[in-house]
Protein backbone atom coordinates (compact mmCIF):
# COMPACT_ATOMS: atom_id res chain seq x y z
CA PHE A 1 -88.55 -38.46 78.16
CA MET A 2 -89.89 -35.06 77.11
CA GLU A 3 -86.41 -33.60 77.33
CA PHE A 4 -85.21 -36.26 74.88
CA ILE A 5 -88.06 -35.40 72.48
CA VAL A 6 -87.28 -31.67 72.67
CA VAL A 7 -83.57 -32.28 72.04
CA LYS A 8 -84.29 -34.51 69.02
CA TYR A 9 -86.84 -32.04 67.66
CA ASN A 10 -84.33 -29.19 67.95
CA GLU A 11 -81.67 -31.29 66.22
CA PHE A 12 -84.09 -32.03 63.39
CA VAL A 13 -85.05 -28.37 63.01
CA GLU A 14 -81.37 -27.45 62.83
CA TYR A 15 -80.77 -30.12 60.18
CA GLU A 16 -83.88 -28.98 58.31
CA ASN A 17 -82.72 -25.36 58.30
CA ASN A 18 -79.22 -26.29 57.07
CA PHE A 19 -80.38 -28.80 54.45
CA LYS A 20 -78.73 -28.45 51.02
CA GLY A 21 -80.84 -30.05 48.32
CA ARG A 22 -78.16 -30.04 45.65
CA GLU A 23 -76.24 -32.83 47.43
CA MET A 24 -79.23 -35.19 47.44
CA HIS A 25 -80.07 -34.23 43.88
CA GLU A 26 -76.58 -35.25 42.80
CA TYR A 27 -76.78 -38.47 44.84
CA THR A 28 -80.09 -39.35 43.19
CA LYS A 29 -78.68 -38.65 39.72
CA LEU A 30 -75.73 -40.95 40.41
CA HIS A 31 -77.92 -43.83 41.66
CA SER A 32 -80.44 -44.57 38.93
CA GLU A 33 -80.53 -48.16 40.19
CA ILE A 34 -82.72 -47.10 43.13
CA PRO A 35 -86.00 -46.76 41.18
CA ILE A 36 -85.15 -49.79 39.03
CA VAL A 37 -84.69 -51.99 42.11
CA ALA A 38 -87.84 -50.54 43.68
CA ILE A 39 -89.90 -51.34 40.59
CA ALA A 40 -88.43 -54.85 40.36
CA LEU A 41 -89.28 -55.54 44.01
CA TYR A 42 -92.76 -54.15 43.48
CA LEU A 43 -93.38 -56.41 40.49
CA VAL A 44 -92.13 -59.48 42.35
CA PHE A 45 -94.34 -58.60 45.29
CA VAL A 46 -97.45 -57.99 43.19
CA PHE A 47 -97.14 -61.07 41.01
CA GLN A 48 -95.49 -63.63 43.30
CA VAL A 49 -96.63 -62.99 46.88
CA PRO A 50 -100.34 -63.68 46.15
CA ASN A 51 -99.34 -67.15 44.97
CA LEU A 52 -97.67 -67.82 48.34
CA LEU A 53 -100.68 -66.85 50.45
CA THR A 54 -103.05 -69.61 51.49
CA LYS A 55 -105.72 -67.23 52.83
CA PRO A 56 -106.29 -63.48 52.58
CA LEU A 57 -104.57 -61.31 55.17
CA ASN A 58 -106.61 -59.09 57.47
CA LEU A 59 -104.92 -55.73 56.84
CA ARG A 60 -107.67 -53.46 58.13
CA TYR A 61 -105.69 -52.17 61.14
CA LEU A 62 -102.46 -51.89 59.13
CA ASN A 63 -104.28 -49.93 56.39
CA ALA A 64 -105.72 -47.57 59.00
CA VAL A 65 -102.28 -46.94 60.52
CA TRP A 66 -100.77 -46.49 57.04
CA ASN A 67 -103.43 -43.97 56.01
CA LEU A 68 -103.06 -42.07 59.29
CA SER A 69 -99.29 -41.95 58.80
CA LEU A 70 -99.69 -40.64 55.25
CA SER A 71 -102.13 -38.01 56.44
CA ILE A 72 -99.78 -36.78 59.18
CA PHE A 73 -96.82 -36.81 56.78
CA SER A 74 -98.80 -34.87 54.17
CA PHE A 75 -100.01 -32.33 56.70
CA ILE A 76 -96.47 -31.66 57.94
CA GLY A 77 -95.17 -31.45 54.36
CA VAL A 78 -97.86 -28.98 53.37
CA SER A 79 -97.19 -26.87 56.46
CA ARG A 80 -93.48 -26.70 55.55
CA THR A 81 -93.81 -26.03 51.79
CA VAL A 82 -97.03 -24.14 51.02
CA PRO A 83 -96.25 -20.97 53.05
CA TYR A 84 -92.89 -20.75 51.28
CA LEU A 85 -94.56 -21.19 47.88
CA ILE A 86 -97.23 -18.59 48.63
CA ARG A 87 -94.58 -16.09 49.75
CA HIS A 88 -92.62 -16.59 46.53
CA VAL A 89 -95.73 -16.32 44.34
CA GLN A 90 -96.58 -13.04 46.07
CA GLU A 91 -93.02 -11.68 45.76
CA HIS A 92 -92.11 -12.91 42.26
CA GLY A 93 -95.33 -14.00 40.57
CA PHE A 94 -96.68 -17.34 39.40
CA VAL A 95 -94.62 -17.57 36.20
CA TRP A 96 -91.37 -17.06 38.13
CA THR A 97 -92.19 -19.83 40.60
CA VAL A 98 -93.03 -22.25 37.79
CA CYS A 99 -90.24 -21.36 35.33
CA HIS A 100 -87.32 -20.40 37.60
CA ASN A 101 -84.75 -23.05 38.56
CA PRO A 102 -86.16 -24.65 41.74
CA HIS A 103 -82.67 -25.39 43.08
CA LYS A 104 -82.15 -21.65 43.42
CA TRP A 105 -85.28 -20.94 45.43
CA ALA A 106 -86.84 -24.15 46.77
CA GLY A 107 -84.06 -26.72 46.97
CA ASN A 108 -82.58 -25.84 50.35
CA GLY A 109 -83.78 -25.53 53.92
CA PRO A 110 -87.05 -26.96 55.19
CA THR A 111 -88.79 -26.67 51.82
CA GLY A 112 -86.06 -28.56 50.01
CA LEU A 113 -86.00 -31.29 52.65
CA TRP A 114 -89.75 -31.80 52.58
CA LEU A 115 -89.79 -31.83 48.78
CA LEU A 116 -87.14 -34.55 48.97
CA PHE A 117 -89.22 -36.46 51.53
CA PHE A 118 -92.22 -36.18 49.21
CA ALA A 119 -90.27 -37.50 46.21
CA TYR A 120 -88.78 -40.42 48.12
CA SER A 121 -92.12 -41.20 49.82
CA LYS A 122 -93.35 -42.50 46.49
CA PHE A 123 -91.27 -45.67 46.92
CA PRO A 124 -93.17 -47.04 49.94
CA GLU A 125 -96.43 -45.92 48.32
CA LEU A 126 -95.84 -48.38 45.48
């Protein structure tokens, strides 16, 4: 089992290192229906599902698991993006990191992938 985990981890690291953010950026630009559908589903859920429930759901355990998952995800994301940001602030300065095109310095590799994960993680957080 551990061998399987190590192999999958190494495959992910290789994918992470070779990630090209421009492709996903273009995909996202071409599919503006994604956030529209997400918002529509959210509104249906918020305004219609409560009418279908006969008694409140006990979501204490599910909320704990959800919050733990978000914490782990956030920790990994911070560990993959903040060192890169700090290095670029030290090398180029704050203004450069804020004003320079992010596709040229933060859109690829592990940083680009985790920025993408962060952006798309907003959908389930609705």
